[in-house]
Amino acid sequence: MKNFNYVIKDGSGRYSNLDKEYSKFLETTLKDVQDDAILYRWETYNLIMSELLELGKINLFNEIKYRFTDGEDPNKVMLEILERVPNLSGFLWLIRKRIVEYIDEDFENQFY
């Protein structure tokens, strides 16, 4: 986690209150995580958010931050957001499949 910046701003300039809250949320969520699989998931979420910014989907980008800081399941949030993006890029289409795999994996882990 030391080499990876999970906080992405939606533009240049000062950090907004949302950016600050999201940063605090990530710090507390990932502070003591030793499991590389969990860190890999957050890198995946970060890649999706970066791609949404490149596509100019700033409102969706900020919605993700709000929903994460409100405690919603990151996988479900990402899947719902990606389903609302018309004409997914090839990258987002592939990443969407990965999010579905995360959801399936979490479901299976409930029983084992």
PDB file of N, CA and C in Angstrom:
ATOM      1  N   MET A   1       0.811  -1.185   0.000  1.00  0.00           N
ATOM      2  CA  MET A   1       0.000   0.000   0.000  1.00  0.00           C
ATOM      3  C   MET A   1       0.858   1.253   0.000  1.00  0.00           C
ATOM      4  N   LYS A   2       2.082   1.159   0.443  1.00  0.00           N
ATOM      5  CA  LYS A   2       2.933   2.338   0.544  1.00  0.00           C
ATOM      6  C   LYS A   2       3.191   2.993  -0.809  1.00  0.00           C
ATOM      7  N   ASN A   3       3.273   2.204  -1.857  1.00  0.00           N
ATOM      8  CA  ASN A   3       3.610   2.734  -3.172  1.00  0.00           C
ATOM      9  C   ASN A   3       2.402   3.081  -4.014  1.00  0.00           C
ATOM     10  N   PHE A   4       1.206   2.930  -3.473  1.00  0.00           N
ATOM     11  CA  PHE A   4       0.007   3.135  -4.280  1.00  0.00           C
ATOM     12  C   PHE A   4      -0.866   4.204  -3.654  1.00  0.00           C
ATOM     13  N   ASN A   5      -1.219   5.220  -4.424  1.00  0.00           N
ATOM     14  CA  ASN A   5      -2.079   6.290  -3.945  1.00  0.00           C
ATOM     15  C   ASN A   5      -3.513   5.962  -4.333  1.00  0.00           C
ATOM     16  N   TYR A   6      -4.327   5.660  -3.336  1.00  0.00           N
ATOM     17  CA  TYR A   6      -5.706   5.259  -3.603  1.00  0.00           C
ATOM     18  C   TYR A   6      -6.637   6.443  -3.792  1.00  0.00           C
ATOM     19  N   VAL A   7      -6.233   7.621  -3.362  1.00  0.00           N
ATOM     20  CA  VAL A   7      -7.106   8.792  -3.432  1.00  0.00           C
ATOM     21  C   VAL A   7      -6.918   9.488  -4.775  1.00  0.00           C
ATOM     22  N   ILE A   8      -8.016   9.655  -5.481  1.00  0.00           N
ATOM     23  CA  ILE A   8      -8.013  10.334  -6.767  1.00  0.00           C
ATOM     24  C   ILE A   8      -8.931  11.534  -6.647  1.00  0.00           C
ATOM     25  N   LYS A   9      -8.478  12.690  -7.109  1.00  0.00           N
ATOM     26  CA  LYS A   9      -9.328  13.876  -7.119  1.00  0.00           C
ATOM     27  C   LYS A   9     -10.026  13.965  -8.466  1.00  0.00           C
ATOM     28  N   ASP A  10     -11.196  14.631  -8.462  1.00  0.00           N
ATOM     29  CA  ASP A  10     -11.949  14.757  -9.708  1.00  0.00           C
ATOM     30  C   ASP A  10     -11.477  15.926 -10.567  1.00  0.00           C
ATOM     31  N   GLY A  11     -10.492  16.639 -10.117  1.00  0.00           N
ATOM     32  CA  GLY A  11      -9.963  17.751 -10.907  1.00  0.00           C
ATOM     33  C   GLY A  11      -8.727  18.312 -10.235  1.00  0.00           C
ATOM     34  N   SER A  12      -8.228  19.395 -10.797  1.00  0.00           N
ATOM     35  CA  SER A  12      -7.050  20.020 -10.202  1.00  0.00           C
ATOM     36  C   SER A  12      -7.498  20.953  -9.087  1.00  0.00           C
ATOM     37  N   GLY A  13      -6.566  21.404  -8.309  1.00  0.00           N
ATOM     38  CA  GLY A  13      -6.903  22.318  -7.229  1.00  0.00           C
ATOM     39  C   GLY A  13      -6.927  21.633  -5.881  1.00  0.00           C
ATOM     40  N   ARG A  14      -7.599  22.286  -4.945  1.00  0.00           N
ATOM     41  CA  ARG A  14      -7.651  21.823  -3.571  1.00  0.00           C
ATOM     42  C   ARG A  14      -8.520  20.572  -3.437  1.00  0.00           C
ATOM     43  N   TYR A  15      -8.245  19.839  -2.382  1.00  0.00           N
ATOM     44  CA  TYR A  15      -9.079  18.686  -2.071  1.00  0.00           C
ATOM     45  C   TYR A  15     -10.430  19.164  -1.553  1.00  0.00           C
ATOM     46  N   SER A  16     -11.491  18.552  -2.034  1.00  0.00           N
ATOM     47  CA  SER A  16     -12.830  18.869  -1.553  1.00  0.00           C
ATOM     48  C   SER A  16     -13.069  18.131  -0.236  1.00  0.00           C
ATOM     49  N   ASN A  17     -14.170  18.465   0.441  1.00  0.00           N
ATOM     50  CA  ASN A  17     -14.526  17.736   1.663  1.00  0.00           C
ATOM     51  C   ASN A  17     -14.737  16.256   1.369  1.00  0.00           C
ATOM     52  N   LEU A  18     -15.329  15.968   0.207  1.00  0.00           N
ATOM     53  CA  LEU A  18     -15.526  14.572  -0.183  1.00  0.00           C
ATOM     54  C   LEU A  18     -14.186  13.865  -0.344  1.00  0.00           C
ATOM     55  N   ASP A  19     -13.221  14.527  -0.984  1.00  0.00           N
ATOM     56  CA  ASP A  19     -11.889  13.937  -1.149  1.00  0.00           C
ATOM     57  C   ASP A  19     -11.265  13.621   0.204  1.00  0.00           C
ATOM     58  N   LYS A  20     -11.414  14.549   1.156  1.00  0.00           N
ATOM     59  CA  LYS A  20     -10.844  14.358   2.489  1.00  0.00           C
ATOM     60  C   LYS A  20     -11.525  13.202   3.214  1.00  0.00           C
ATOM     61  N   GLU A  21     -12.856  13.128   3.141  1.00  0.00           N
ATOM     62  CA  GLU A  21     -13.586  12.040   3.780  1.00  0.00           C
ATOM     63  C   GLU A  21     -13.223  10.691   3.161  1.00  0.00           C
ATOM     64  N   TYR A  22     -13.112  10.676   1.844  1.00  0.00           N
ATOM     65  CA  TYR A  22     -12.749   9.447   1.148  1.00  0.00           C
ATOM     66  C   TYR A  22     -11.341   9.010   1.549  1.00  0.00           C
ATOM     67  N   SER A  23     -10.444   9.970   1.673  1.00  0.00           N
ATOM     68  CA  SER A  23      -9.080   9.658   2.094  1.00  0.00           C
ATOM     69  C   SER A  23      -9.062   9.053   3.495  1.00  0.00           C
ATOM     70  N   LYS A  24      -9.819   9.637   4.421  1.00  0.00           N
ATOM     71  CA  LYS A  24      -9.912   9.084   5.786  1.00  0.00           C
ATOM     72  C   LYS A  24     -10.516   7.686   5.767  1.00  0.00           C
ATOM     73  N   PHE A  25     -11.555   7.514   4.946  1.00  0.00           N
ATOM     74  CA  PHE A  25     -12.196   6.205   4.824  1.00  0.00           C
ATOM     75  C   PHE A  25     -11.193   5.150   4.364  1.00  0.00           C
ATOM     76  N   LEU A  26     -10.411   5.484   3.334  1.00  0.00           N
ATOM     77  CA  LEU A  26      -9.434   4.519   2.822  1.00  0.00           C
ATOM     78  C   LEU A  26      -8.341   4.226   3.841  1.00  0.00           C
ATOM     79  N   GLU A  27      -7.914   5.252   4.555  1.00  0.00           N
ATOM     80  CA  GLU A  27      -6.873   5.043   5.563  1.00  0.00           C
ATOM     81  C   GLU A  27      -7.349   4.070   6.637  1.00  0.00           C
ATOM     82  N   THR A  28      -8.584   4.249   7.115  1.00  0.00           N
ATOM     83  CA  THR A  28      -9.085   3.346   8.158  1.00  0.00           C
ATOM     84  C   THR A  28      -9.404   1.971   7.595  1.00  0.00           C
ATOM     85  N   THR A  29      -9.864   1.902   6.354  1.00  0.00           N
ATOM     86  CA  THR A  29     -10.216   0.617   5.749  1.00  0.00           C
ATOM     87  C   THR A  29      -8.978  -0.222   5.442  1.00  0.00           C
ATOM     88  N   LEU A  30      -7.933   0.419   4.980  1.00  0.00           N
ATOM     89  CA  LEU A  30      -6.761  -0.321   4.505  1.00  0.00           C
ATOM     90  C   LEU A  30      -5.570  -0.265   5.451  1.00  0.00           C
ATOM     91  N   LYS A  31      -5.745   0.365   6.596  1.00  0.00           N
ATOM     92  CA  LYS A  31      -4.624   0.601   7.506  1.00  0.00           C
ATOM     93  C   LYS A  31      -3.867  -0.672   7.879  1.00  0.00           C
ATOM     94  N   ASP A  32      -4.559  -1.672   8.317  1.00  0.00           N
ATOM     95  CA  ASP A  32      -3.885  -2.885   8.795  1.00  0.00           C
ATOM     96  C   ASP A  32      -4.101  -4.093   7.892  1.00  0.00           C
ATOM     97  N   VAL A  33      -4.471  -3.857   6.658  1.00  0.00           N
ATOM     98  CA  VAL A  33      -4.733  -4.964   5.737  1.00  0.00           C
ATOM     99  C   VAL A  33      -3.410  -5.583   5.295  1.00  0.00           C
ATOM    100  N   GLN A  34      -3.314  -6.887   5.514  1.00  0.00           N
ATOM    101  CA  GLN A  34      -2.126  -7.630   5.097  1.00  0.00           C
ATOM    102  C   GLN A  34      -2.411  -8.519   3.899  1.00  0.00           C
ATOM    103  N   ASP A  35      -3.680  -8.719   3.597  1.00  0.00           N
ATOM    104  CA  ASP A  35      -4.105  -9.608   2.524  1.00  0.00           C
ATOM    105  C   ASP A  35      -3.963  -8.906   1.173  1.00  0.00           C
ATOM    106  N   ASP A  36      -3.094  -9.441   0.328  1.00  0.00           N
ATOM    107  CA  ASP A  36      -2.868  -8.836  -0.987  1.00  0.00           C
ATOM    108  C   ASP A  36      -4.120  -8.864  -1.856  1.00  0.00           C
ATOM    109  N   ALA A  37      -4.973  -9.855  -1.661  1.00  0.00           N
ATOM    110  CA  ALA A  37      -6.205  -9.944  -2.455  1.00  0.00           C
ATOM    111  C   ALA A  37      -7.113  -8.745  -2.192  1.00  0.00           C
ATOM    112  N   ILE A  38      -7.177  -8.301  -0.940  1.00  0.00           N
ATOM    113  CA  ILE A  38      -7.990  -7.133  -0.593  1.00  0.00           C
ATOM    114  C   ILE A  38      -7.377  -5.874  -1.215  1.00  0.00           C
ATOM    115  N   LEU A  39      -6.077  -5.741  -1.110  1.00  0.00           N
ATOM    116  CA  LEU A  39      -5.408  -4.580  -1.708  1.00  0.00           C
ATOM    117  C   LEU A  39      -5.585  -4.577  -3.225  1.00  0.00           C
ATOM    118  N   TYR A  40      -5.541  -5.759  -3.834  1.00  0.00           N
ATOM    119  CA  TYR A  40      -5.742  -5.865  -5.279  1.00  0.00           C
ATOM    120  C   TYR A  40      -7.144  -5.398  -5.661  1.00  0.00           C
ATOM    121  N   ARG A  41      -8.125  -5.735  -4.834  1.00  0.00           N
ATOM    122  CA  ARG A  41      -9.497  -5.280  -5.098  1.00  0.00           C
ATOM    123  C   ARG A  41      -9.567  -3.756  -5.097  1.00  0.00           C
ATOM    124  N   TRP A  42      -8.929  -3.139  -4.110  1.00  0.00           N
ATOM    125  CA  TRP A  42      -8.972  -1.677  -4.042  1.00  0.00           C
ATOM    126  C   TRP A  42      -8.225  -1.040  -5.208  1.00  0.00           C
ATOM    127  N   GLU A  43      -7.190  -1.676  -5.684  1.00  0.00           N
ATOM    128  CA  GLU A  43      -6.522  -1.188  -6.889  1.00  0.00           C
ATOM    129  C   GLU A  43      -7.463  -1.275  -8.086  1.00  0.00           C
ATOM    130  N   THR A  44      -8.256  -2.342  -8.150  1.00  0.00           N
ATOM    131  CA  THR A  44      -9.241  -2.505  -9.226  1.00  0.00           C
ATOM    132  C   THR A  44     -10.284  -1.403  -9.162  1.00  0.00           C
ATOM    133  N   TYR A  45     -10.805  -1.134  -7.952  1.00  0.00           N
ATOM    134  CA  TYR A  45     -11.782  -0.050  -7.799  1.00  0.00           C
ATOM    135  C   TYR A  45     -11.176   1.286  -8.237  1.00  0.00           C
ATOM    136  N   ASN A  46      -9.924   1.483  -7.883  1.00  0.00           N
ATOM    137  CA  ASN A  46      -9.228   2.718  -8.235  1.00  0.00           C
ATOM    138  C   ASN A  46      -9.079   2.847  -9.753  1.00  0.00           C
ATOM    139  N   LEU A  47      -8.783   1.751 -10.421  1.00  0.00           N
ATOM    140  CA  LEU A  47      -8.670   1.773 -11.883  1.00  0.00           C
ATOM    141  C   LEU A  47      -9.999   2.145 -12.533  1.00  0.00           C
ATOM    142  N   ILE A  48     -11.091   1.618 -11.992  1.00  0.00           N
ATOM    143  CA  ILE A  48     -12.417   1.952 -12.519  1.00  0.00           C
ATOM    144  C   ILE A  48     -12.678   3.439 -12.355  1.00  0.00           C
ATOM    145  N   MET A  49     -12.363   3.954 -11.170  1.00  0.00           N
ATOM    146  CA  MET A  49     -12.602   5.376 -10.913  1.00  0.00           C
ATOM    147  C   MET A  49     -11.756   6.257 -11.835  1.00  0.00           C
ATOM    148  N   SER A  50     -10.524   5.866 -12.072  1.00  0.00           N
ATOM    149  CA  SER A  50      -9.658   6.617 -12.983  1.00  0.00           C
ATOM    150  C   SER A  50     -10.223   6.620 -14.397  1.00  0.00           C
ATOM    151  N   GLU A  51     -10.717   5.472 -14.834  1.00  0.00           N
ATOM    152  CA  GLU A  51     -11.294   5.360 -16.178  1.00  0.00           C
ATOM    153  C   GLU A  51     -12.560   6.217 -16.301  1.00  0.00           C
ATOM    154  N   LEU A  52     -13.373   6.244 -15.254  1.00  0.00           N
ATOM    155  CA  LEU A  52     -14.572   7.086 -15.280  1.00  0.00           C
ATOM    156  C   LEU A  52     -14.202   8.556 -15.415  1.00  0.00           C
ATOM    157  N   LEU A  53     -13.140   8.968 -14.742  1.00  0.00           N
ATOM    158  CA  LEU A  53     -12.682  10.356 -14.895  1.00  0.00           C
ATOM    159  C   LEU A  53     -12.234  10.638 -16.317  1.00  0.00           C
ATOM    160  N   GLU A  54     -11.516   9.700 -16.908  1.00  0.00           N
ATOM    161  CA  GLU A  54     -11.061   9.882 -18.288  1.00  0.00           C
ATOM    162  C   GLU A  54     -12.228   9.975 -19.256  1.00  0.00           C
ATOM    163  N   LEU A  55     -13.329   9.297 -18.929  1.00  0.00           N
ATOM    164  CA  LEU A  55     -14.528   9.341 -19.769  1.00  0.00           C
ATOM    165  C   LEU A  55     -15.401  10.560 -19.465  1.00  0.00           C
ATOM    166  N   GLY A  56     -14.976  11.370 -18.492  1.00  0.00           N
ATOM    167  CA  GLY A  56     -15.733  12.565 -18.137  1.00  0.00           C
ATOM    168  C   GLY A  56     -16.949  12.294 -17.272  1.00  0.00           C
ATOM    169  N   LYS A  57     -16.989  11.153 -16.618  1.00  0.00           N
ATOM    170  CA  LYS A  57     -18.127  10.763 -15.769  1.00  0.00           C
ATOM    171  C   LYS A  57     -17.852  11.192 -14.320  1.00  0.00           C
ATOM    172  N   ILE A  58     -17.688  12.489 -14.106  1.00  0.00           N
ATOM    173  CA  ILE A  58     -17.327  13.012 -12.785  1.00  0.00           C
ATOM    174  C   ILE A  58     -18.432  12.760 -11.767  1.00  0.00           C
ATOM    175  N   ASN A  59     -19.687  12.877 -12.181  1.00  0.00           N
ATOM    176  CA  ASN A  59     -20.788  12.631 -11.235  1.00  0.00           C
ATOM    177  C   ASN A  59     -20.790  11.189 -10.737  1.00  0.00           C
ATOM    178  N   LEU A  60     -20.528  10.241 -11.629  1.00  0.00           N
ATOM    179  CA  LEU A  60     -20.455   8.837 -11.220  1.00  0.00           C
ATOM    180  C   LEU A  60     -19.248   8.601 -10.310  1.00  0.00           C
ATOM    181  N   PHE A  61     -18.157   9.242 -10.633  1.00  0.00           N
ATOM    182  CA  PHE A  61     -16.938   9.161  -9.834  1.00  0.00           C
ATOM    183  C   PHE A  61     -17.217   9.618  -8.404  1.00  0.00           C
ATOM    184  N   ASN A  62     -17.869  10.773  -8.266  1.00  0.00           N
ATOM    185  CA  ASN A  62     -18.174  11.300  -6.937  1.00  0.00           C
ATOM    186  C   ASN A  62     -19.221  10.453  -6.222  1.00  0.00           C
ATOM    187  N   GLU A  63     -20.166   9.904  -6.972  1.00  0.00           N
ATOM    188  CA  GLU A  63     -21.169   9.028  -6.363  1.00  0.00           C
ATOM    189  C   GLU A  63     -20.511   7.811  -5.727  1.00  0.00           C
ATOM    190  N   ILE A  64     -19.514   7.272  -6.390  1.00  0.00           N
ATOM    191  CA  ILE A  64     -18.785   6.124  -5.834  1.00  0.00           C
ATOM    192  C   ILE A  64     -18.162   6.508  -4.492  1.00  0.00           C
ATOM    193  N   LYS A  65     -17.520   7.660  -4.454  1.00  0.00           N
ATOM    194  CA  LYS A  65     -16.896   8.106  -3.204  1.00  0.00           C
ATOM    195  C   LYS A  65     -17.932   8.252  -2.093  1.00  0.00           C
ATOM    196  N   TYR A  66     -19.062   8.886  -2.410  1.00  0.00           N
ATOM    197  CA  TYR A  66     -20.118   9.042  -1.410  1.00  0.00           C
ATOM    198  C   TYR A  66     -20.605   7.691  -0.906  1.00  0.00           C
ATOM    199  N   ARG A  67     -20.853   6.788  -1.818  1.00  0.00           N
ATOM    200  CA  ARG A  67     -21.409   5.492  -1.434  1.00  0.00           C
ATOM    201  C   ARG A  67     -20.400   4.648  -0.651  1.00  0.00           C
ATOM    202  N   PHE A  68     -19.127   4.731  -1.020  1.00  0.00           N
ATOM    203  CA  PHE A  68     -18.100   4.015  -0.259  1.00  0.00           C
ATOM    204  C   PHE A  68     -18.029   4.554   1.163  1.00  0.00           C
ATOM    205  N   THR A  69     -17.985   5.886   1.305  1.00  0.00           N
ATOM    206  CA  THR A  69     -17.870   6.474   2.638  1.00  0.00           C
ATOM    207  C   THR A  69     -19.132   6.255   3.465  1.00  0.00           C
ATOM    208  N   ASP A  70     -20.261   5.984   2.818  1.00  0.00           N
ATOM    209  CA  ASP A  70     -21.494   5.657   3.539  1.00  0.00           C
ATOM    210  C   ASP A  70     -21.551   4.195   3.962  1.00  0.00           C
ATOM    211  N   GLY A  71     -20.543   3.407   3.577  1.00  0.00           N
ATOM    212  CA  GLY A  71     -20.450   2.032   4.036  1.00  0.00           C
ATOM    213  C   GLY A  71     -21.087   0.990   3.136  1.00  0.00           C
ATOM    214  N   GLU A  72     -21.413   1.354   1.904  1.00  0.00           N
ATOM    215  CA  GLU A  72     -21.999   0.363   0.989  1.00  0.00           C
ATOM    216  C   GLU A  72     -20.929  -0.614   0.504  1.00  0.00           C
ATOM    217  N   ASP A  73     -21.376  -1.783   0.081  1.00  0.00           N
ATOM    218  CA  ASP A  73     -20.481  -2.819  -0.437  1.00  0.00           C
ATOM    219  C   ASP A  73     -19.824  -2.313  -1.725  1.00  0.00           C
ATOM    220  N   PRO A  74     -18.494  -2.201  -1.734  1.00  0.00           N
ATOM    221  CA  PRO A  74     -17.803  -1.669  -2.911  1.00  0.00           C
ATOM    222  C   PRO A  74     -18.097  -2.428  -4.205  1.00  0.00           C
ATOM    223  N   ASN A  75     -18.232  -3.762  -4.116  1.00  0.00           N
ATOM    224  CA  ASN A  75     -18.501  -4.545  -5.320  1.00  0.00           C
ATOM    225  C   ASN A  75     -19.855  -4.200  -5.916  1.00  0.00           C
ATOM    226  N   LYS A  76     -20.861  -4.117  -5.061  1.00  0.00           N
ATOM    227  CA  LYS A  76     -22.207  -3.792  -5.550  1.00  0.00           C
ATOM    228  C   LYS A  76     -22.269  -2.373  -6.092  1.00  0.00           C
ATOM    229  N   VAL A  77     -21.572  -1.457  -5.435  1.00  0.00           N
ATOM    230  CA  VAL A  77     -21.527  -0.067  -5.914  1.00  0.00           C
ATOM    231  C   VAL A  77     -20.919  -0.021  -7.309  1.00  0.00           C
ATOM    232  N   MET A  78     -19.776  -0.665  -7.468  1.00  0.00           N
ATOM    233  CA  MET A  78     -19.091  -0.635  -8.765  1.00  0.00           C
ATOM    234  C   MET A  78     -19.929  -1.286  -9.855  1.00  0.00           C
ATOM    235  N   LEU A  79     -20.550  -2.399  -9.540  1.00  0.00           N
ATOM    236  CA  LEU A  79     -21.368  -3.086 -10.532  1.00  0.00           C
ATOM    237  C   LEU A  79     -22.549  -2.213 -10.957  1.00  0.00           C
ATOM    238  N   GLU A  80     -23.215  -1.582 -10.002  1.00  0.00           N
ATOM    239  CA  GLU A  80     -24.339  -0.707 -10.323  1.00  0.00           C
ATOM    240  C   GLU A  80     -23.899   0.495 -11.160  1.00  0.00           C
ATOM    241  N   ILE A  81     -22.762   1.058 -10.821  1.00  0.00           N
ATOM    242  CA  ILE A  81     -22.249   2.211 -11.584  1.00  0.00           C
ATOM    243  C   ILE A  81     -21.906   1.783 -13.002  1.00  0.00           C
ATOM    244  N   LEU A  82     -21.207   0.664 -13.150  1.00  0.00           N
ATOM    245  CA  LEU A  82     -20.807   0.209 -14.481  1.00  0.00           C
ATOM    246  C   LEU A  82     -22.013  -0.136 -15.347  1.00  0.00           C
ATOM    247  N   GLU A  83     -23.084  -0.612 -14.730  1.00  0.00           N
ATOM    248  CA  GLU A  83     -24.288  -0.920 -15.502  1.00  0.00           C
ATOM    249  C   GLU A  83     -24.971   0.345 -16.015  1.00  0.00           C
ATOM    250  N   ARG A  84     -24.681   1.480 -15.390  1.00  0.00           N
ATOM    251  CA  ARG A  84     -25.274   2.749 -15.828  1.00  0.00           C
ATOM    252  C   ARG A  84     -24.439   3.485 -16.871  1.00  0.00           C
ATOM    253  N   VAL A  85     -23.229   3.001 -17.131  1.00  0.00           N
ATOM    254  CA  VAL A  85     -22.363   3.645 -18.126  1.00  0.00           C
ATOM    255  C   VAL A  85     -22.703   3.071 -19.495  1.00  0.00           C
ATOM    256  N   PRO A  86     -23.215   3.925 -20.397  1.00  0.00           N
ATOM    257  CA  PRO A  86     -23.510   3.415 -21.740  1.00  0.00           C
ATOM    258  C   PRO A  86     -22.214   3.182 -22.518  1.00  0.00           C
ATOM    259  N   ASN A  87     -22.226   2.185 -23.352  1.00  0.00           N
ATOM    260  CA  ASN A  87     -21.075   1.893 -24.216  1.00  0.00           C
ATOM    261  C   ASN A  87     -19.775   1.787 -23.426  1.00  0.00           C
ATOM    262  N   LEU A  88     -19.717   0.792 -22.554  1.00  0.00           N
ATOM    263  CA  LEU A  88     -18.508   0.582 -21.759  1.00  0.00           C
ATOM    264  C   LEU A  88     -17.294   0.421 -22.657  1.00  0.00           C
ATOM    265  N   SER A  89     -16.193   1.015 -22.237  1.00  0.00           N
ATOM    266  CA  SER A  89     -14.940   0.784 -22.955  1.00  0.00           C
ATOM    267  C   SER A  89     -14.560  -0.684 -22.758  1.00  0.00           C
ATOM    268  N   GLY A  90     -13.689  -1.178 -23.595  1.00  0.00           N
ATOM    269  CA  GLY A  90     -13.249  -2.568 -23.474  1.00  0.00           C
ATOM    270  C   GLY A  90     -12.650  -2.851 -22.107  1.00  0.00           C
ATOM    271  N   PHE A  91     -11.906  -1.890 -21.614  1.00  0.00           N
ATOM    272  CA  PHE A  91     -11.290  -2.033 -20.297  1.00  0.00           C
ATOM    273  C   PHE A  91     -12.349  -2.177 -19.212  1.00  0.00           C
ATOM    274  N   LEU A  92     -13.339  -1.281 -19.202  1.00  0.00           N
ATOM    275  CA  LEU A  92     -14.389  -1.346 -18.179  1.00  0.00           C
ATOM    276  C   LEU A  92     -15.227  -2.606 -18.320  1.00  0.00           C
ATOM    277  N   TRP A  93     -15.417  -3.065 -19.528  1.00  0.00           N
ATOM    278  CA  TRP A  93     -16.172  -4.288 -19.741  1.00  0.00           C
ATOM    279  C   TRP A  93     -15.448  -5.475 -19.098  1.00  0.00           C
ATOM    280  N   LEU A  94     -14.120  -5.537 -19.277  1.00  0.00           N
ATOM    281  CA  LEU A  94     -13.335  -6.609 -18.662  1.00  0.00           C
ATOM    282  C   LEU A  94     -13.318  -6.494 -17.141  1.00  0.00           C
ATOM    283  N   ILE A  95     -13.164  -5.279 -16.650  1.00  0.00           N
ATOM    284  CA  ILE A  95     -13.129  -5.064 -15.205  1.00  0.00           C
ATOM    285  C   ILE A  95     -14.479  -5.408 -14.582  1.00  0.00           C
ATOM    286  N   ARG A  96     -15.568  -5.157 -15.296  1.00  0.00           N
ATOM    287  CA  ARG A  96     -16.901  -5.488 -14.797  1.00  0.00           C
ATOM    288  C   ARG A  96     -16.986  -6.992 -14.508  1.00  0.00           C
ATOM    289  N   LYS A  97     -16.404  -7.795 -15.401  1.00  0.00           N
ATOM    290  CA  LYS A  97     -16.391  -9.243 -15.181  1.00  0.00           C
ATOM    291  C   LYS A  97     -15.632  -9.592 -13.899  1.00  0.00           C
ATOM    292  N   ARG A  98     -14.579  -8.856 -13.629  1.00  0.00           N
ATOM    293  CA  ARG A  98     -13.791  -9.101 -12.414  1.00  0.00           C
ATOM    294  C   ARG A  98     -14.605  -8.767 -11.169  1.00  0.00           C
ATOM    295  N   ILE A  99     -15.383  -7.702 -11.211  1.00  0.00           N
ATOM    296  CA  ILE A  99     -16.225  -7.321 -10.076  1.00  0.00           C
ATOM    297  C   ILE A  99     -17.267  -8.403  -9.816  1.00  0.00           C
ATOM    298  N   VAL A 100     -17.840  -8.946 -10.881  1.00  0.00           N
ATOM    299  CA  VAL A 100     -18.800 -10.047 -10.726  1.00  0.00           C
ATOM    300  C   VAL A 100     -18.105 -11.240 -10.059  1.00  0.00           C
ATOM    301  N   GLU A 101     -16.861 -11.516 -10.424  1.00  0.00           N
ATOM    302  CA  GLU A 101     -16.105 -12.595  -9.797  1.00  0.00           C
ATOM    303  C   GLU A 101     -15.883 -12.318  -8.306  1.00  0.00           C
ATOM    304  N   TYR A 102     -15.619 -11.063  -7.950  1.00  0.00           N
ATOM    305  CA  TYR A 102     -15.463 -10.703  -6.540  1.00  0.00           C
ATOM    306  C   TYR A 102     -16.753 -10.995  -5.764  1.00  0.00           C
ATOM    307  N   ILE A 103     -17.890 -10.638  -6.343  1.00  0.00           N
ATOM    308  CA  ILE A 103     -19.180 -10.866  -5.690  1.00  0.00           C
ATOM    309  C   ILE A 103     -19.412 -12.364  -5.494  1.00  0.00           C
ATOM    310  N   ASP A 104     -19.135 -13.150  -6.530  1.00  0.00           N
ATOM    311  CA  ASP A 104     -19.294 -14.603  -6.430  1.00  0.00           C
ATOM    312  C   ASP A 104     -18.351 -15.186  -5.374  1.00  0.00           C
ATOM    313  N   GLU A 105     -17.127 -14.699  -5.360  1.00  0.00           N
ATOM    314  CA  GLU A 105     -16.133 -15.174  -4.393  1.00  0.00           C
ATOM    315  C   GLU A 105     -16.581 -14.859  -2.961  1.00  0.00           C
ATOM    316  N   ASP A 106     -17.091 -13.651  -2.730  1.00  0.00           N
ATOM    317  CA  ASP A 106     -17.564 -13.277  -1.397  1.00  0.00           C
ATOM    318  C   ASP A 106     -18.751 -14.137  -0.976  1.00  0.00           C
ATOM    319  N   PHE A 107     -19.624 -14.440  -1.920  1.00  0.00           N
ATOM    320  CA  PHE A 107     -20.776 -15.287  -1.629  1.00  0.00           C
ATOM    321  C   PHE A 107     -20.312 -16.679  -1.200  1.00  0.00           C
ATOM    322  N   GLU A 108     -19.385 -17.244  -1.960  1.00  0.00           N
ATOM    323  CA  GLU A 108     -18.854 -18.568  -1.626  1.00  0.00           C
ATOM    324  C   GLU A 108     -18.150 -18.577  -0.279  1.00  0.00           C
ATOM    325  N   ASN A 109     -17.447 -17.508   0.024  1.00  0.00           N
ATOM    326  CA  ASN A 109     -16.692 -17.437   1.292  1.00  0.00           C
ATOM    327  C   ASN A 109     -17.612 -17.376   2.513  1.00  0.00           C
ATOM    328  N   GLN A 110     -18.868 -17.011   2.309  1.00  0.00           N
ATOM    329  CA  GLN A 110     -19.806 -16.988   3.425  1.00  0.00           C
ATOM    330  C   GLN A 110     -20.045 -18.393   3.972  1.00  0.00           C
ATOM    331  N   PHE A 111     -19.856 -19.391   3.147  1.00  0.00           N
ATOM    332  CA  PHE A 111     -20.177 -20.762   3.523  1.00  0.00           C
ATOM    333  C   PHE A 111     -18.941 -21.597   3.885  1.00  0.00           C
ATOM    334  N   TYR A 112     -17.756 -21.054   3.691  1.00  0.00           N
ATOM    335  CA  TYR A 112     -16.542 -21.813   3.971  1.00  0.00           C
ATOM    336  C   TYR A 112     -15.670 -21.091   4.963  1.00  0.00           C
TER     337      TYR A 112
END
